[in-house]
């Protein structure tokens, strides 16, 4: 067996954190305002408050996943 930097649980947690970050960026996306029409949706609570908090939680989750102790037998 190869010696990886993290245990399996760390990689699973990293993948979950990455998915949370992607969800946050998807929540931030959407239509924009053009010269012809103003889109008031660019100031919605989802884009301004919820999505950045989801991304922040995802990045904090990534840090926790990296620091999560692996219970490998160290020989």
PDB file of N, CA and C in Angstrom:
ATOM      1  N   UNK A   1       0.843  -1.182   0.000  1.00  0.00           N
ATOM      2  CA  UNK A   1       0.000   0.000   0.000  1.00  0.00           C
ATOM      3  C   UNK A   1       0.883   1.238   0.000  1.00  0.00           C
ATOM      4  N   UNK A   2       0.492   2.208  -0.793  1.00  0.00           N
ATOM      5  CA  UNK A   2       1.277   3.432  -0.872  1.00  0.00           C
ATOM      6  C   UNK A   2       0.987   4.314   0.323  1.00  0.00           C
ATOM      7  N   UNK A   3       1.955   5.131   0.670  1.00  0.00           N
ATOM      8  CA  UNK A   3       1.779   6.076   1.774  1.00  0.00           C
ATOM      9  C   UNK A   3       1.303   7.411   1.219  1.00  0.00           C
ATOM     10  N   UNK A   4       0.030   7.699   1.435  1.00  0.00           N
ATOM     11  CA  UNK A   4      -0.530   8.969   1.010  1.00  0.00           C
ATOM     12  C   UNK A   4      -0.404   9.977   2.143  1.00  0.00           C
ATOM     13  N   UNK A   5      -0.554  11.246   1.818  1.00  0.00           N
ATOM     14  CA  UNK A   5      -0.414  12.296   2.824  1.00  0.00           C
ATOM     15  C   UNK A   5      -1.550  12.263   3.830  1.00  0.00           C
ATOM     16  N   UNK A   6      -2.738  11.879   3.389  1.00  0.00           N
ATOM     17  CA  UNK A   6      -3.905  11.861   4.255  1.00  0.00           C
ATOM     18  C   UNK A   6      -4.528  10.473   4.259  1.00  0.00           C
ATOM     19  N   UNK A   7      -5.416  10.269   5.210  1.00  0.00           N
ATOM     20  CA  UNK A   7      -6.186   9.032   5.245  1.00  0.00           C
ATOM     21  C   UNK A   7      -7.399   9.164   4.327  1.00  0.00           C
ATOM     22  N   UNK A   8      -8.123   8.074   4.165  1.00  0.00           N
ATOM     23  CA  UNK A   8      -9.286   8.069   3.277  1.00  0.00           C
ATOM     24  C   UNK A   8     -10.337   9.068   3.740  1.00  0.00           C
ATOM     25  N   UNK A   9     -10.544   9.184   5.035  1.00  0.00           N
ATOM     26  CA  UNK A   9     -11.556  10.110   5.566  1.00  0.00           C
ATOM     27  C   UNK A   9     -11.212  11.557   5.233  1.00  0.00           C
ATOM     28  N   UNK A  10      -9.923  11.883   5.218  1.00  0.00           N
ATOM     29  CA  UNK A  10      -9.508  13.243   4.872  1.00  0.00           C
ATOM     30  C   UNK A  10      -9.861  13.572   3.424  1.00  0.00           C
ATOM     31  N   UNK A  11      -9.648  12.628   2.532  1.00  0.00           N
ATOM     32  CA  UNK A  11      -9.983  12.865   1.125  1.00  0.00           C
ATOM     33  C   UNK A  11     -11.491  12.975   0.926  1.00  0.00           C
ATOM     34  N   UNK A  12     -12.258  12.203   1.662  1.00  0.00           N
ATOM     35  CA  UNK A  12     -13.716  12.296   1.570  1.00  0.00           C
ATOM     36  C   UNK A  12     -14.183  13.667   2.058  1.00  0.00           C
ATOM     37  N   UNK A  13     -13.637  14.121   3.180  1.00  0.00           N
ATOM     38  CA  UNK A  13     -14.009  15.430   3.717  1.00  0.00           C
ATOM     39  C   UNK A  13     -13.573  16.557   2.782  1.00  0.00           C
ATOM     40  N   UNK A  14     -12.416  16.414   2.143  1.00  0.00           N
ATOM     41  CA  UNK A  14     -11.962  17.416   1.182  1.00  0.00           C
ATOM     42  C   UNK A  14     -12.914  17.488  -0.014  1.00  0.00           C
ATOM     43  N   UNK A  15     -13.389  16.346  -0.471  1.00  0.00           N
ATOM     44  CA  UNK A  15     -14.332  16.331  -1.595  1.00  0.00           C
ATOM     45  C   UNK A  15     -15.656  16.992  -1.201  1.00  0.00           C
ATOM     46  N   UNK A  16     -16.130  16.733   0.015  1.00  0.00           N
ATOM     47  CA  UNK A  16     -17.367  17.352   0.486  1.00  0.00           C
ATOM     48  C   UNK A  16     -17.201  18.870   0.563  1.00  0.00           C
ATOM     49  N   UNK A  17     -16.072  19.328   1.094  1.00  0.00           N
ATOM     50  CA  UNK A  17     -15.811  20.761   1.160  1.00  0.00           C
ATOM     51  C   UNK A  17     -15.744  21.395  -0.214  1.00  0.00           C
ATOM     52  N   UNK A  18     -15.145  20.704  -1.166  1.00  0.00           N
ATOM     53  CA  UNK A  18     -15.055  21.210  -2.530  1.00  0.00           C
ATOM     54  C   UNK A  18     -16.445  21.337  -3.152  1.00  0.00           C
ATOM     55  N   UNK A  19     -17.313  20.380  -2.884  1.00  0.00           N
ATOM     56  CA  UNK A  19     -18.684  20.429  -3.402  1.00  0.00           C
ATOM     57  C   UNK A  19     -19.440  21.599  -2.777  1.00  0.00           C
ATOM     58  N   UNK A  20     -19.230  21.853  -1.493  1.00  0.00           N
ATOM     59  CA  UNK A  20     -19.883  22.981  -0.819  1.00  0.00           C
ATOM     60  C   UNK A  20     -19.435  24.304  -1.451  1.00  0.00           C
ATOM     61  N   UNK A  21     -18.157  24.420  -1.749  1.00  0.00           N
ATOM     62  CA  UNK A  21     -17.641  25.636  -2.386  1.00  0.00           C
ATOM     63  C   UNK A  21     -18.255  25.819  -3.772  1.00  0.00           C
ATOM     64  N   UNK A  22     -18.361  24.746  -4.535  1.00  0.00           N
ATOM     65  CA  UNK A  22     -18.966  24.826  -5.865  1.00  0.00           C
ATOM     66  C   UNK A  22     -20.425  25.264  -5.761  1.00  0.00           C
ATOM     67  N   UNK A  23     -21.150  24.737  -4.769  1.00  0.00           N
ATOM     68  CA  UNK A  23     -22.547  25.145  -4.572  1.00  0.00           C
ATOM     69  C   UNK A  23     -22.624  26.635  -4.270  1.00  0.00           C
ATOM     70  N   UNK A  24     -21.695  27.141  -3.457  1.00  0.00           N
ATOM     71  CA  UNK A  24     -21.672  28.572  -3.159  1.00  0.00           C
ATOM     72  C   UNK A  24     -21.452  29.414  -4.396  1.00  0.00           C
ATOM     73  N   UNK A  25     -20.551  28.985  -5.271  1.00  0.00           N
ATOM     74  CA  UNK A  25     -20.312  29.741  -6.498  1.00  0.00           C
ATOM     75  C   UNK A  25     -21.496  29.643  -7.457  1.00  0.00           C
ATOM     76  N   UNK A  26     -22.182  28.521  -7.477  1.00  0.00           N
ATOM     77  CA  UNK A  26     -23.378  28.395  -8.313  1.00  0.00           C
ATOM     78  C   UNK A  26     -24.464  29.335  -7.810  1.00  0.00           C
ATOM     79  N   UNK A  27     -24.594  29.448  -6.477  1.00  0.00           N
ATOM     80  CA  UNK A  27     -25.584  30.366  -5.918  1.00  0.00           C
ATOM     81  C   UNK A  27     -25.262  31.820  -6.266  1.00  0.00           C
ATOM     82  N   UNK A  28     -23.983  32.147  -6.431  1.00  0.00           N
ATOM     83  CA  UNK A  28     -23.593  33.513  -6.788  1.00  0.00           C
ATOM     84  C   UNK A  28     -23.822  33.824  -8.260  1.00  0.00           C
ATOM     85  N   UNK A  29     -23.912  32.807  -9.094  1.00  0.00           N
ATOM     86  CA  UNK A  29     -24.039  33.048 -10.525  1.00  0.00           C
ATOM     87  C   UNK A  29     -25.470  33.424 -10.880  1.00  0.00           C
ATOM     88  N   UNK A  30     -25.632  33.877 -12.083  1.00  0.00           N
ATOM     89  CA  UNK A  30     -26.958  34.259 -12.565  1.00  0.00           C
ATOM     90  C   UNK A  30     -26.859  35.346 -13.605  1.00  0.00           C
ATOM     91  N   UNK A  31     -28.009  35.846 -13.987  1.00  0.00           N
ATOM     92  CA  UNK A  31     -28.064  36.899 -14.995  1.00  0.00           C
ATOM     93  C   UNK A  31     -27.470  38.202 -14.490  1.00  0.00           C
ATOM     94  N   UNK A  32     -27.053  39.012 -15.415  1.00  0.00           N
ATOM     95  CA  UNK A  32     -26.445  40.288 -15.055  1.00  0.00           C
ATOM     96  C   UNK A  32     -27.246  41.437 -15.664  1.00  0.00           C
ATOM     97  N   UNK A  33     -26.900  42.630 -15.261  1.00  0.00           N
ATOM     98  CA  UNK A  33     -27.527  43.821 -15.798  1.00  0.00           C
ATOM     99  C   UNK A  33     -26.843  44.197 -17.109  1.00  0.00           C
ATOM    100  N   UNK A  34     -27.654  44.547 -18.098  1.00  0.00           N
ATOM    101  CA  UNK A  34     -27.113  44.975 -19.392  1.00  0.00           C
ATOM    102  C   UNK A  34     -27.432  46.449 -19.594  1.00  0.00           C
ATOM    103  N   UNK A  35     -26.967  46.993 -20.691  1.00  0.00           N
ATOM    104  CA  UNK A  35     -27.261  48.390 -20.993  1.00  0.00           C
ATOM    105  C   UNK A  35     -28.739  48.606 -21.308  1.00  0.00           C
ATOM    106  N   UNK A  36     -29.398  47.567 -21.813  1.00  0.00           N
ATOM    107  CA  UNK A  36     -30.801  47.690 -22.179  1.00  0.00           C
ATOM    108  C   UNK A  36     -31.747  47.515 -20.989  1.00  0.00           C
ATOM    109  N   UNK A  37     -31.373  46.681 -20.047  1.00  0.00           N
ATOM    110  CA  UNK A  37     -32.299  46.351 -18.950  1.00  0.00           C
ATOM    111  C   UNK A  37     -31.535  46.195 -17.647  1.00  0.00           C
ATOM    112  N   UNK A  38     -32.159  46.655 -16.582  1.00  0.00           N
ATOM    113  CA  UNK A  38     -31.602  46.506 -15.241  1.00  0.00           C
ATOM    114  C   UNK A  38     -32.191  45.252 -14.610  1.00  0.00           C
ATOM    115  N   UNK A  39     -31.335  44.431 -14.055  1.00  0.00           N
ATOM    116  CA  UNK A  39     -31.767  43.193 -13.408  1.00  0.00           C
ATOM    117  C   UNK A  39     -31.607  43.367 -11.896  1.00  0.00           C
ATOM    118  N   UNK A  40     -32.711  43.561 -11.158  1.00  0.00           N
ATOM    119  CA  UNK A  40     -32.585  43.760  -9.711  1.00  0.00           C
ATOM    120  C   UNK A  40     -32.167  42.500  -8.964  1.00  0.00           C
ATOM    121  N   UNK A  41     -32.144  41.352  -9.646  1.00  0.00           N
ATOM    122  CA  UNK A  41     -31.755  40.098  -8.997  1.00  0.00           C
ATOM    123  C   UNK A  41     -30.276  40.093  -8.596  1.00  0.00           C
ATOM    124  N   UNK A  42     -29.480  41.010  -9.146  1.00  0.00           N
ATOM    125  CA  UNK A  42     -28.065  41.034  -8.774  1.00  0.00           C
ATOM    126  C   UNK A  42     -27.878  41.467  -7.325  1.00  0.00           C
ATOM    127  N   UNK A  43     -28.903  42.059  -6.723  1.00  0.00           N
ATOM    128  CA  UNK A  43     -28.829  42.478  -5.330  1.00  0.00           C
ATOM    129  C   UNK A  43     -29.653  41.583  -4.405  1.00  0.00           C
ATOM    130  N   UNK A  44     -29.936  40.364  -4.836  1.00  0.00           N
ATOM    131  CA  UNK A  44     -30.752  39.465  -4.017  1.00  0.00           C
ATOM    132  C   UNK A  44     -29.959  38.984  -2.797  1.00  0.00           C
ATOM    133  N   UNK A  45     -30.689  38.597  -1.772  1.00  0.00           N
ATOM    134  CA  UNK A  45     -30.045  38.101  -0.550  1.00  0.00           C
ATOM    135  C   UNK A  45     -29.239  36.836  -0.801  1.00  0.00           C
ATOM    136  N   UNK A  46     -29.696  36.021  -1.736  1.00  0.00           N
ATOM    137  CA  UNK A  46     -28.975  34.785  -2.040  1.00  0.00           C
ATOM    138  C   UNK A  46     -27.581  35.086  -2.572  1.00  0.00           C
ATOM    139  N   UNK A  47     -27.478  36.058  -3.467  1.00  0.00           N
ATOM    140  CA  UNK A  47     -26.182  36.376  -4.070  1.00  0.00           C
ATOM    141  C   UNK A  47     -25.267  37.167  -3.145  1.00  0.00           C
ATOM    142  N   UNK A  48     -25.834  38.007  -2.312  1.00  0.00           N
ATOM    143  CA  UNK A  48     -25.005  38.903  -1.504  1.00  0.00           C
ATOM    144  C   UNK A  48     -24.682  38.327  -0.131  1.00  0.00           C
ATOM    145  N   UNK A  49     -25.611  37.571   0.446  1.00  0.00           N
ATOM    146  CA  UNK A  49     -25.405  37.091   1.819  1.00  0.00           C
ATOM    147  C   UNK A  49     -25.221  35.583   1.915  1.00  0.00           C
ATOM    148  N   UNK A  50     -26.115  34.829   1.299  1.00  0.00           N
ATOM    149  CA  UNK A  50     -26.107  33.376   1.477  1.00  0.00           C
ATOM    150  C   UNK A  50     -24.925  32.720   0.768  1.00  0.00           C
ATOM    151  N   UNK A  51     -24.724  33.031  -0.500  1.00  0.00           N
ATOM    152  CA  UNK A  51     -23.675  32.379  -1.282  1.00  0.00           C
ATOM    153  C   UNK A  51     -22.268  32.622  -0.716  1.00  0.00           C
ATOM    154  N   UNK A  52     -21.901  33.847  -0.339  1.00  0.00           N
ATOM    155  CA  UNK A  52     -20.575  34.012   0.259  1.00  0.00           C
ATOM    156  C   UNK A  52     -20.403  33.256   1.585  1.00  0.00           C
ATOM    157  N   UNK A  53     -21.490  33.157   2.363  1.00  0.00           N
ATOM    158  CA  UNK A  53     -21.405  32.399   3.606  1.00  0.00           C
ATOM    159  C   UNK A  53     -21.243  30.906   3.339  1.00  0.00           C
ATOM    160  N   UNK A  54     -21.902  30.415   2.291  1.00  0.00           N
ATOM    161  CA  UNK A  54     -21.744  29.004   1.919  1.00  0.00           C
ATOM    162  C   UNK A  54     -20.308  28.743   1.477  1.00  0.00           C
ATOM    163  N   UNK A  55     -19.744  29.647   0.684  1.00  0.00           N
ATOM    164  CA  UNK A  55     -18.349  29.501   0.257  1.00  0.00           C
ATOM    165  C   UNK A  55     -17.398  29.555   1.450  1.00  0.00           C
ATOM    166  N   UNK A  56     -17.632  30.490   2.351  1.00  0.00           N
ATOM    167  CA  UNK A  56     -16.791  30.590   3.548  1.00  0.00           C
ATOM    168  C   UNK A  56     -16.868  29.311   4.367  1.00  0.00           C
ATOM    169  N   UNK A  57     -18.065  28.779   4.550  1.00  0.00           N
ATOM    170  CA  UNK A  57     -18.216  27.523   5.271  1.00  0.00           C
ATOM    171  C   UNK A  57     -17.467  26.401   4.558  1.00  0.00           C
ATOM    172  N   UNK A  58     -17.517  26.386   3.222  1.00  0.00           N
ATOM    173  CA  UNK A  58     -16.795  25.363   2.462  1.00  0.00           C
ATOM    174  C   UNK A  58     -15.298  25.456   2.667  1.00  0.00           C
ATOM    175  N   UNK A  59     -14.750  26.680   2.664  1.00  0.00           N
ATOM    176  CA  UNK A  59     -13.313  26.844   2.886  1.00  0.00           C
ATOM    177  C   UNK A  59     -12.925  26.470   4.317  1.00  0.00           C
ATOM    178  N   UNK A  60     -13.758  26.815   5.275  1.00  0.00           N
ATOM    179  CA  UNK A  60     -13.478  26.412   6.658  1.00  0.00           C
ATOM    180  C   UNK A  60     -13.575  24.898   6.815  1.00  0.00           C
ATOM    181  N   UNK A  61     -14.512  24.295   6.090  1.00  0.00           N
ATOM    182  CA  UNK A  61     -14.642  22.841   6.101  1.00  0.00           C
ATOM    183  C   UNK A  61     -13.391  22.193   5.502  1.00  0.00           C
ATOM    184  N   UNK A  62     -12.829  22.815   4.467  1.00  0.00           N
ATOM    185  CA  UNK A  62     -11.590  22.306   3.868  1.00  0.00           C
ATOM    186  C   UNK A  62     -10.438  22.326   4.877  1.00  0.00           C
ATOM    187  N   UNK A  63     -10.331  23.411   5.626  1.00  0.00           N
ATOM    188  CA  UNK A  63      -9.281  23.502   6.647  1.00  0.00           C
ATOM    189  C   UNK A  63      -9.468  22.414   7.696  1.00  0.00           C
ATOM    190  N   UNK A  64     -10.722  22.222   8.124  1.00  0.00           N
ATOM    191  CA  UNK A  64     -10.998  21.176   9.104  1.00  0.00           C
ATOM    192  C   UNK A  64     -10.686  19.793   8.539  1.00  0.00           C
ATOM    193  N   UNK A  65     -10.954  19.589   7.248  1.00  0.00           N
ATOM    194  CA  UNK A  65     -10.671  18.294   6.627  1.00  0.00           C
ATOM    195  C   UNK A  65      -9.173  18.024   6.575  1.00  0.00           C
ATOM    196  N   UNK A  66      -8.387  19.063   6.356  1.00  0.00           N
ATOM    197  CA  UNK A  66      -6.937  18.894   6.323  1.00  0.00           C
ATOM    198  C   UNK A  66      -6.400  18.597   7.717  1.00  0.00           C
ATOM    199  N   UNK A  67      -6.953  19.261   8.708  1.00  0.00           N
ATOM    200  CA  UNK A  67      -6.462  19.089  10.077  1.00  0.00           C
ATOM    201  C   UNK A  67      -7.085  17.903  10.796  1.00  0.00           C
ATOM    202  N   UNK A  68      -8.072  17.245  10.193  1.00  0.00           N
ATOM    203  CA  UNK A  68      -8.745  16.109  10.821  1.00  0.00           C
ATOM    204  C   UNK A  68      -7.719  15.014  11.101  1.00  0.00           C
ATOM    205  N   UNK A  69      -7.665  14.527  12.335  1.00  0.00           N
ATOM    206  CA  UNK A  69      -6.650  13.513  12.655  1.00  0.00           C
ATOM    207  C   UNK A  69      -6.981  12.172  12.005  1.00  0.00           C
ATOM    208  N   UNK A  70      -5.998  11.600  11.368  1.00  0.00           N
ATOM    209  CA  UNK A  70      -6.186  10.268  10.799  1.00  0.00           C
ATOM    210  C   UNK A  70      -5.690   9.257  11.826  1.00  0.00           C
ATOM    211  N   UNK A  71      -6.393   8.181  11.929  1.00  0.00           N
ATOM    212  CA  UNK A  71      -6.046   7.165  12.929  1.00  0.00           C
ATOM    213  C   UNK A  71      -5.283   6.021  12.276  1.00  0.00           C
ATOM    214  N   UNK A  72      -4.275   6.395  11.519  1.00  0.00           N
ATOM    215  CA  UNK A  72      -3.417   5.393  10.897  1.00  0.00           C
ATOM    216  C   UNK A  72      -2.469   4.829  11.951  1.00  0.00           C
ATOM    217  N   UNK A  73      -2.103   3.592  11.742  1.00  0.00           N
ATOM    218  CA  UNK A  73      -1.075   3.009  12.612  1.00  0.00           C
ATOM    219  C   UNK A  73       0.279   3.434  12.069  1.00  0.00           C
ATOM    220  N   UNK A  74       0.974   4.222  12.821  1.00  0.00           N
ATOM    221  CA  UNK A  74       2.276   4.706  12.375  1.00  0.00           C
ATOM    222  C   UNK A  74       3.336   3.750  12.888  1.00  0.00           C
ATOM    223  N   UNK A  75       4.045   3.155  11.939  1.00  0.00           N
ATOM    224  CA  UNK A  75       5.071   2.165  12.305  1.00  0.00           C
ATOM    225  C   UNK A  75       6.423   2.684  11.956  1.00  0.00           C
TER     226      UNK A  75
END
